[in-house]
Amino acid sequence: MPILPRPRLLCAVSLALSVLTVAASADTSVETRPPNNADARPAFAGQTRAPAMRTPVALDVRTITDALDQPWAVELLPDGRFLVTERPGRLRIVGADGRLSAPVAGLPPVFAQGQGGLLDVALDPGFAANRTIYWSYAEPRADGSGTTLAKGVLVEDARGARLEEVRILFRQQPSLRSPLHFGSRIAFGPGGRELFLTLGERGIPEGRAQAQDLGSHLGKLVRLNLDGSVPAGNPFAGRAGARPEIWSLGHRNVQGAALDADDRLWTIEHGPRGGDELNRPDPGRNYGWPVIGYGIDYSGERMHESAARVDMEQPVYYWDPVIAPGGMVFHSGRGLPDWRGNLFVAGLGSRKLVRLKLDGDRVTGEEWLLADRGLRLRDVIEGPDGALYVLAEAPAGALLRVAPAGR
């Protein structure tokens, strides 16, 4: 059953080197196409189509490797190498020179159909001492499939790289027979004492309806302790009929999650035709899917009651047409102070890297980067030197380094 939270205001390194002079490019502008949902109106000024902004320096874009197969997530190891997941079910270690390891052994089977497969990967906050990693994946089950979270110890020796002490921490319930909307981004909470995992509603009518059901994990954000147990203070723990892991509800397919400099969690999720959303999920709040939203169905038909309802939360920002968001990261400003606190989002269908400037909880500027390259961008992280490492899944699986020229 739905809940009614208190009202809120409706509110080899480089096979290729190229220099991208962003400041002079006319292609990096905010959206100018008409929206798909012409009837929807923003709930507040600045909720969509923020003013254009420009990075004031040239950027070097270097290809570290273009030999990956359907990569989904990238994580930087302390020694400068990368962990990269490939959706068919392989975990690779990529050297700074672009060399790919053999697949890391020890992963459980994955459901590699449609949007399913091996998905996110994250280092334990104590990785330097314990070598533990976490990963999420679409798990094949007797009654369908579902998003599953596991952890294990990454071992590297003369026998190669493998995972040991593998343990399943969480299984999304119920399972469904669908190859869509697994969500699956992992983000550690403040202090690294717990983690958040995003869960899609599986993209079919049976799952869509459960995004408003507290007895289901579908269309939810969950919070877990690092051992998979339920943290004290989860908003629905102890409530009859509710899944105790749930942090927030009413989500569609969240594939980006990150903490800002103030340790506040932000997420980004796919809309249908229009209605991609940037949210800052608070505990126990309802983010509206599928009751409210700013998009329309793929058929072109209306699919929401309205764009706003007093008992459901408004997105901080939305896009129509969509950017089709993947992973995201807040930038520290290392190497380029103009980027400090900015949010970078990998764009899939839009084939661009989106930069957002924020002032508190409001987006005040937007820029599109890498738009001339025609790459489906799946993930983005920041390195210790302030460079961005961007994962592209098509037309070739590639890992790129993006940084101010000369750095």
Protein backbone atom coordinates (compact mmCIF):
# COMPACT_ATOMS: atom_id res chain seq x y z
CA MET A 1 0.00 0.00 0.00
CA PRO A 2 1.23 3.56 -0.64
CA ILE A 3 2.38 5.79 2.18
CA LEU A 4 1.67 9.47 2.48
CA PRO A 5 4.77 11.33 3.67
CA ARG A 6 4.34 14.83 4.99
CA PRO A 7 3.91 17.42 2.22
CA ARG A 8 6.93 19.22 0.82
CA LEU A 9 7.02 22.24 -1.46
CA LEU A 10 6.31 21.09 -5.01
CA CYS A 11 8.88 21.61 -5.33
CA ALA A 12 47.80 1.27 -24.13
CA VAL A 13 47.22 4.92 -22.17
CA SER A 14 45.88 6.55 -25.03
CA LEU A 15 45.30 5.09 -28.33
CA ALA A 16 43.96 8.45 -29.31
CA LEU A 17 44.42 11.99 -28.05
CA SER A 18 42.16 14.82 -28.97
CA VAL A 19 41.71 18.30 -27.61
CA LEU A 20 38.15 19.38 -26.99
CA THR A 21 37.83 23.16 -26.83
CA VAL A 22 34.58 23.36 -24.94
CA ALA A 23 34.44 27.12 -24.47
CA ALA A 24 34.19 27.69 -28.21
CA SER A 25 31.80 24.85 -29.06
CA ALA A 26 28.26 25.68 -30.11
CA ASP A 27 27.22 22.05 -29.56
CA THR A 28 27.36 22.14 -25.75
CA SER A 29 24.10 23.98 -25.05
CA VAL A 30 21.08 23.27 -22.93
CA GLU A 31 18.14 21.42 -24.48
CA THR A 32 16.27 23.37 -27.16
CA ARG A 33 14.03 20.64 -28.61
CA PRO A 34 10.33 20.66 -27.67
CA PRO A 35 9.34 18.45 -24.73
CA ASN A 36 7.51 15.17 -25.27
CA ASN A 37 5.00 16.08 -22.58
CA ALA A 38 3.82 19.49 -23.75
CA ASP A 39 1.14 19.63 -21.05
CA ALA A 40 3.47 19.34 -18.04
CA ARG A 41 4.73 22.48 -16.33
CA PRO A 42 7.66 22.69 -13.88
CA ALA A 43 6.64 22.88 -10.25
CA PHE A 44 9.17 25.65 -9.59
CA ALA A 45 11.55 27.89 -11.52
CA GLY A 46 14.73 26.15 -12.64
CA GLN A 47 13.37 22.60 -12.32
CA THR A 48 14.27 21.88 -15.95
CA ARG A 49 16.23 23.44 -18.85
CA ALA A 50 18.80 25.32 -16.80
CA PRO A 51 20.84 28.04 -18.52
CA ALA A 52 23.80 26.95 -20.62
CA MET A 53 27.29 27.21 -19.18
CA ARG A 54 30.74 26.54 -20.57
CA THR A 55 33.89 24.99 -19.15
CA PRO A 56 36.43 27.80 -19.64
CA VAL A 57 39.41 25.63 -20.64
CA ALA A 58 40.24 23.06 -23.29
CA LEU A 59 39.92 19.41 -22.32
CA ASP A 60 42.11 16.48 -23.29
CA VAL A 61 40.19 13.29 -23.97
CA ARG A 62 42.37 10.18 -23.96
CA THR A 63 41.33 6.60 -24.71
CA ILE A 64 42.75 4.18 -22.15
CA THR A 65 41.15 1.15 -23.81
CA ASP A 66 38.47 0.45 -26.37
CA ALA A 67 38.53 -3.35 -25.97
CA LEU A 68 35.78 -3.77 -23.38
CA ASP A 69 32.57 -5.71 -23.98
CA GLN A 70 29.37 -3.95 -22.82
CA PRO A 71 30.96 -2.32 -19.77
CA TRP A 72 28.60 -1.13 -17.04
CA ALA A 73 30.64 0.24 -14.12
CA VAL A 74 34.18 1.39 -13.36
CA GLU A 75 35.98 1.73 -10.03
CA LEU A 76 39.50 3.04 -9.44
CA LEU A 77 41.88 0.84 -7.46
CA PRO A 78 44.41 2.44 -5.07
CA ASP A 79 47.33 1.48 -7.33
CA GLY A 80 45.91 3.33 -10.35
CA ARG A 81 44.36 0.35 -12.11
CA PHE A 82 40.62 0.04 -12.73
CA LEU A 83 37.94 -2.53 -11.97
CA VAL A 84 35.40 -2.69 -14.79
CA THR A 85 32.27 -4.83 -14.99
CA GLU A 86 31.16 -6.24 -18.35
CA ARG A 87 27.46 -6.96 -18.53
CA PRO A 88 27.81 -10.51 -19.99
CA GLY A 89 29.25 -11.52 -16.59
CA ARG A 90 32.94 -10.62 -16.54
CA LEU A 91 34.91 -8.48 -14.09
CA ARG A 92 38.12 -7.06 -15.59
CA ILE A 93 41.15 -5.30 -14.16
CA VAL A 94 42.35 -2.60 -16.57
CA GLY A 95 45.89 -1.32 -16.25
CA ALA A 96 46.84 2.33 -16.60
CA ASP A 97 48.40 1.25 -19.89
CA GLY A 98 45.07 -0.08 -21.15
CA ARG A 99 45.85 -3.77 -20.79
CA LEU A 100 42.90 -5.96 -19.82
CA SER A 101 43.24 -8.83 -17.40
CA ALA A 102 41.65 -12.19 -17.91
CA PRO A 103 38.19 -12.27 -16.31
CA VAL A 104 38.37 -12.31 -12.52
CA ALA A 105 37.32 -15.78 -11.34
CA GLY A 106 34.75 -16.59 -8.70
CA LEU A 107 31.70 -14.58 -9.73
CA PRO A 108 28.29 -16.22 -9.35
CA PRO A 109 26.15 -16.79 -12.48
CA VAL A 110 24.39 -13.74 -13.92
CA PHE A 111 21.18 -13.26 -15.89
CA ALA A 112 22.73 -11.63 -18.96
CA GLN A 113 19.61 -10.87 -20.97
CA GLY A 114 18.17 -7.50 -21.98
CA GLN A 115 19.41 -4.94 -19.47
CA GLY A 116 20.53 -7.64 -17.06
CA GLY A 117 24.00 -8.94 -16.31
CA LEU A 118 26.94 -7.98 -14.10
CA LEU A 119 26.24 -4.37 -13.14
CA ASP A 120 27.83 -2.15 -10.48
CA VAL A 121 31.07 -2.64 -8.54
CA ALA A 122 32.35 -0.72 -5.50
CA LEU A 123 35.34 -0.93 -3.18
CA ASP A 124 34.77 -1.46 0.52
CA PRO A 125 35.70 1.71 2.46
CA GLY A 126 38.46 -0.40 4.07
CA PHE A 127 39.63 -1.97 0.81
CA ALA A 128 43.31 -1.11 1.37
CA ALA A 129 43.31 -3.40 4.40
CA ASN A 130 40.63 -6.01 3.61
CA ARG A 131 40.58 -6.19 -0.24
CA THR A 132 36.78 -6.50 -0.13
CA ILE A 133 34.60 -5.43 -3.04
CA TYR A 134 30.83 -5.28 -3.53
CA TRP A 135 28.98 -5.90 -6.75
CA SER A 136 25.39 -5.98 -7.94
CA TYR A 137 24.00 -8.13 -10.71
CA ALA A 138 20.88 -9.54 -12.29
CA GLU A 139 20.55 -12.97 -10.73
CA PRO A 140 18.91 -15.90 -12.55
CA ARG A 141 16.25 -17.50 -10.33
CA ALA A 142 13.77 -20.33 -10.65
CA ASP A 143 10.89 -17.84 -10.69
CA GLY A 144 12.55 -15.22 -12.91
CA SER A 145 15.34 -12.83 -12.05
CA GLY A 146 16.12 -9.96 -9.72
CA THR A 147 18.81 -7.59 -8.54
CA THR A 148 21.24 -9.16 -6.07
CA LEU A 149 24.09 -7.68 -4.03
CA ALA A 150 27.21 -9.67 -3.11
CA LYS A 151 30.64 -9.08 -1.66
CA GLY A 152 33.95 -10.94 -1.75
CA VAL A 153 37.69 -10.60 -1.29
CA LEU A 154 39.76 -9.76 -4.37
CA VAL A 155 42.86 -11.97 -4.44
CA GLU A 156 45.72 -11.59 -6.90
CA ASP A 157 48.62 -14.03 -6.99
CA ALA A 158 50.46 -16.37 -9.35
CA ARG A 159 47.16 -18.13 -10.12
CA GLY A 160 45.60 -14.89 -11.34
CA ALA A 161 42.82 -12.68 -9.98
CA ARG A 162 39.82 -14.23 -8.25
CA LEU A 163 37.12 -13.57 -5.67
CA GLU A 164 37.10 -15.53 -2.45
CA GLU A 165 34.77 -15.58 0.57
CA VAL A 166 31.88 -14.64 -1.72
CA ARG A 167 28.69 -13.88 0.18
CA ILE A 168 25.22 -12.85 -0.98
CA LEU A 169 24.06 -9.86 1.09
CA PHE A 170 20.67 -9.00 -0.40
CA ARG A 171 18.15 -10.25 -2.94
CA GLN A 172 15.45 -8.01 -4.36
CA GLN A 173 12.00 -9.52 -3.90
CA PRO A 174 9.85 -10.51 -5.62
CA SER A 175 11.52 -12.02 -8.67
CA LEU A 176 9.93 -11.26 -12.03
CA ARG A 177 10.25 -12.63 -15.53
CA SER A 178 11.54 -9.44 -17.12
CA PRO A 179 14.89 -8.44 -18.66
CA LEU A 180 14.39 -4.74 -17.80
CA HIS A 181 15.02 -2.12 -15.10
CA PHE A 182 17.40 -3.67 -12.59
CA GLY A 183 18.56 -0.30 -11.18
CA SER A 184 21.68 -1.51 -9.39
CA ARG A 185 23.91 1.42 -8.38
CA ILE A 186 25.81 1.10 -5.08
CA ALA A 187 26.70 4.12 -2.91
CA PHE A 188 28.21 4.08 0.57
CA GLY A 189 26.63 6.24 3.24
CA PRO A 190 28.45 8.83 5.34
CA GLY A 191 31.41 7.29 7.12
CA GLY A 192 31.14 4.10 5.09
CA ARG A 193 29.10 2.33 7.75
CA GLU A 194 26.22 1.38 5.47
CA LEU A 195 25.40 1.33 1.78
CA PHE A 196 22.55 2.26 -0.51
CA LEU A 197 21.44 0.09 -3.44
CA THR A 198 19.06 1.28 -6.14
CA LEU A 199 16.38 -1.12 -7.39
CA GLY A 200 14.34 -0.78 -10.57
CA GLU A 201 10.68 -1.75 -10.92
CA ARG A 202 11.48 -4.20 -13.74
CA GLY A 203 9.77 -2.26 -16.53
CA ILE A 204 6.57 -4.32 -16.89
CA PRO A 205 3.06 -3.50 -15.58
CA GLU A 206 3.27 -6.08 -12.79
CA GLY A 207 6.42 -4.48 -11.43
CA ARG A 208 5.45 -0.87 -12.15
CA ALA A 209 2.48 -1.11 -9.82
CA GLN A 210 4.72 -2.37 -7.01
CA ALA A 211 6.84 0.80 -6.96
CA GLN A 212 4.17 2.14 -4.54
CA ASP A 213 3.97 -1.09 -2.49
CA LEU A 214 6.02 -1.22 0.73
CA GLY A 215 5.76 -5.01 0.70
CA SER A 216 7.93 -5.12 -2.43
CA HIS A 217 11.51 -4.07 -3.18
CA LEU A 218 10.58 -3.09 -6.74
CA GLY A 219 11.11 0.59 -7.54
CA LYS A 220 12.86 1.28 -4.23
CA LEU A 221 16.06 2.60 -2.78
CA VAL A 222 17.29 0.36 0.06
CA ARG A 223 19.80 0.95 2.84
CA LEU A 224 21.84 -1.92 4.29
CA ASN A 225 24.65 -2.43 6.76
CA LEU A 226 27.85 -3.69 5.15
CA ASP A 227 27.00 -7.23 6.27
CA GLY A 228 23.55 -7.06 4.64
CA SER A 229 21.60 -6.51 7.85
CA VAL A 230 19.08 -3.69 8.30
CA PRO A 231 20.45 -0.50 9.88
CA ALA A 232 18.81 0.99 12.92
CA GLY A 233 16.75 3.95 11.84
CA ASN A 234 15.54 2.69 8.48
CA PRO A 235 12.16 4.42 8.08
CA PHE A 236 9.99 1.29 7.69
CA ALA A 237 11.81 -1.14 9.97
CA GLY A 238 9.24 -2.70 12.29
CA ARG A 239 6.25 -1.59 10.23
CA ALA A 240 3.87 -4.46 9.53
CA GLY A 241 3.86 -5.54 5.89
CA ALA A 242 6.81 -3.33 4.90
CA ARG A 243 10.24 -4.44 3.73
CA PRO A 244 12.64 -3.13 6.42
CA GLU A 245 15.46 -2.42 3.94
CA ILE A 246 13.46 0.31 2.13
CA TRP A 247 14.78 3.87 2.37
CA SER A 248 12.51 5.55 -0.21
CA LEU A 249 9.89 4.45 -2.74
CA GLY A 250 8.23 5.46 -5.98
CA HIS A 251 11.29 5.12 -8.22
CA ARG A 252 11.42 3.82 -11.80
CA ASN A 253 14.97 2.78 -12.71
CA VAL A 254 17.72 4.52 -10.73
CA GLN A 255 21.16 3.93 -12.28
CA GLY A 256 23.12 6.78 -10.68
CA ALA A 257 23.79 7.47 -7.00
CA ALA A 258 26.43 9.60 -5.27
CA LEU A 259 27.09 11.62 -2.13
CA ASP A 260 27.90 15.31 -2.37
CA ALA A 261 30.56 17.15 -0.33
CA ASP A 262 28.06 17.47 2.54
CA ASP A 263 27.45 13.69 2.58
CA ARG A 264 23.95 14.05 1.15
CA LEU A 265 22.74 11.27 -1.12
CA TRP A 266 21.57 12.10 -4.65
CA THR A 267 20.13 9.74 -7.25
CA ILE A 268 19.22 9.95 -10.91
CA GLU A 269 16.69 7.78 -12.70
CA HIS A 270 15.36 7.03 -16.14
CA GLY A 271 11.99 8.35 -17.17
CA PRO A 272 10.02 6.95 -20.12
CA ARG A 273 9.69 9.48 -23.00
CA GLY A 274 10.65 12.46 -20.90
CA GLY A 275 10.89 12.68 -17.14
CA ASP A 276 14.45 11.65 -16.25
CA GLU A 277 14.78 12.80 -12.64
CA LEU A 278 17.50 14.05 -10.32
CA ASN A 279 16.43 13.47 -6.70
CA ARG A 280 17.86 13.83 -3.22
CA PRO A 281 16.08 10.93 -1.51
CA ASP A 282 15.07 11.46 2.09
CA PRO A 283 14.09 8.52 4.32
CA GLY A 284 10.50 7.39 4.01
CA ARG A 285 9.63 9.73 1.15
CA ASN A 286 7.60 8.80 -1.92
CA TYR A 287 9.04 9.95 -5.27
CA GLY A 288 5.88 9.32 -7.21
CA TRP A 289 6.44 6.67 -9.88
CA PRO A 290 4.19 5.77 -11.63
CA VAL A 291 1.54 8.09 -10.21
CA ILE A 292 3.24 11.39 -11.04
CA GLY A 293 5.95 12.31 -13.52
CA TYR A 294 6.97 14.56 -16.37
CA GLY A 295 7.09 12.07 -19.24
CA ILE A 296 4.71 10.13 -21.45
CA ASP A 297 4.52 6.47 -22.38
CA TYR A 298 6.63 5.13 -25.24
CA SER A 299 3.40 4.83 -27.21
CA GLY A 300 2.87 8.56 -26.87
CA GLU A 301 -0.07 8.13 -24.50
CA ARG A 302 -0.44 9.81 -21.12
CA MET A 303 0.70 7.58 -18.26
CA HIS A 304 0.59 9.69 -15.05
CA GLU A 305 -2.25 11.13 -13.00
CA SER A 306 -0.43 14.47 -13.13
CA ALA A 307 3.05 15.96 -12.80
CA ALA A 308 2.62 16.77 -9.10
CA ARG A 309 0.73 15.64 -6.02
CA VAL A 310 0.95 17.16 -2.58
CA ASP A 311 1.82 13.86 -0.84
CA MET A 312 4.65 12.97 -3.27
CA GLU A 313 8.07 14.49 -3.78
CA GLN A 314 9.15 16.62 -6.70
CA PRO A 315 12.48 15.98 -8.43
CA VAL A 316 15.19 18.56 -7.90
CA TYR A 317 15.56 18.61 -11.71
CA TYR A 318 14.15 16.77 -14.70
CA TRP A 319 14.79 16.37 -18.42
CA ASP A 320 12.32 16.16 -21.29
CA PRO A 321 13.55 14.94 -23.77
CA VAL A 322 15.61 12.52 -21.72
CA ILE A 323 19.36 12.23 -21.30
CA ALA A 324 19.01 8.51 -20.35
CA PRO A 325 21.29 8.77 -17.29
CA GLY A 326 23.84 6.21 -16.13
CA GLY A 327 26.37 6.73 -13.33
CA MET A 328 27.22 10.08 -11.78
CA VAL A 329 29.83 11.76 -9.60
CA PHE A 330 30.28 15.05 -7.75
CA HIS A 331 33.57 16.71 -8.62
CA SER A 332 36.03 17.83 -5.95
CA GLY A 333 37.43 20.71 -8.01
CA ARG A 334 40.93 19.23 -8.03
CA GLY A 335 42.67 20.47 -11.17
CA LEU A 336 39.76 22.72 -12.21
CA PRO A 337 38.16 24.89 -9.51
CA ASP A 338 35.27 25.77 -11.86
CA TRP A 339 34.09 22.17 -11.51
CA ARG A 340 34.05 22.13 -7.69
CA GLY A 341 30.76 20.69 -6.46
CA ASN A 342 29.47 20.13 -9.98
CA LEU A 343 27.61 16.94 -10.80
CA PHE A 344 28.67 14.91 -13.84
CA VAL A 345 26.22 12.40 -15.33
CA ALA A 346 26.93 9.78 -18.00
CA GLY A 347 24.34 9.95 -20.78
CA LEU A 348 23.33 6.79 -22.63
CA GLY A 349 20.75 7.51 -25.32
CA SER A 350 21.74 11.18 -25.32
CA ARG A 351 25.40 10.22 -25.92
CA LYS A 352 26.85 13.02 -23.84
CA LEU A 353 28.45 13.80 -20.50
CA VAL A 354 26.16 16.19 -18.63
CA ARG A 355 27.60 18.74 -16.19
CA LEU A 356 25.28 20.40 -13.70
CA LYS A 357 26.07 23.31 -11.42
CA LEU A 358 24.11 23.36 -8.17
CA ASP A 359 23.31 25.97 -5.57
CA GLY A 360 22.04 24.05 -2.58
CA ASP A 361 19.18 21.92 -3.88
CA ARG A 362 18.74 23.81 -7.15
CA VAL A 363 20.39 23.33 -10.54
CA THR A 364 21.67 26.67 -11.87
CA GLY A 365 23.54 25.64 -15.02
CA GLU A 366 23.94 22.78 -17.48
CA GLU A 367 26.61 21.84 -20.00
CA TRP A 368 26.89 18.95 -22.45
CA LEU A 369 30.37 17.49 -23.00
CA LEU A 370 31.63 14.80 -25.42
CA ALA A 371 28.46 15.26 -27.47
CA ASP A 372 30.42 15.20 -30.73
CA ARG A 373 31.74 11.67 -30.14
CA GLY A 374 28.56 9.64 -30.51
CA LEU A 375 29.29 7.43 -27.49
CA ARG A 376 26.75 5.81 -25.19
CA LEU A 377 28.22 6.78 -21.82
CA ARG A 378 27.48 4.40 -18.98
CA ASP A 379 29.52 5.54 -15.95
CA VAL A 380 31.80 8.32 -14.71
CA ILE A 381 34.17 8.58 -11.74
CA GLU A 382 36.79 11.08 -10.55
CA GLY A 383 40.46 10.19 -10.11
CA PRO A 384 42.72 11.52 -7.34
CA ASP A 385 44.14 14.13 -9.74
CA GLY A 386 40.70 15.48 -10.62
CA ALA A 387 40.53 13.75 -14.00
CA LEU A 388 37.22 12.19 -14.99
CA TYR A 389 37.20 8.57 -16.12
CA VAL A 390 34.25 7.93 -18.39
CA LEU A 391 33.00 4.50 -19.42
CA ALA A 392 31.42 4.13 -22.88
CA GLU A 393 29.46 1.03 -23.81
CA ALA A 394 28.99 1.73 -27.56
CA PRO A 395 29.87 1.80 -30.37
CA ALA A 396 32.88 0.17 -28.67
CA GLY A 397 33.39 -0.53 -24.98
CA ALA A 398 35.89 2.14 -23.97
CA LEU A 399 37.39 3.82 -20.93
CA LEU A 400 38.28 7.50 -21.44
CA ARG A 401 40.26 9.99 -19.36
CA VAL A 402 38.91 13.55 -19.49
CA ALA A 403 40.96 16.36 -17.93
CA PRO A 404 42.01 19.97 -18.52
CA ALA A 405 44.60 20.18 -21.29
CA GLY A 406 48.13 19.71 -20.00
CA ARG A 407 47.15 17.70 -16.90
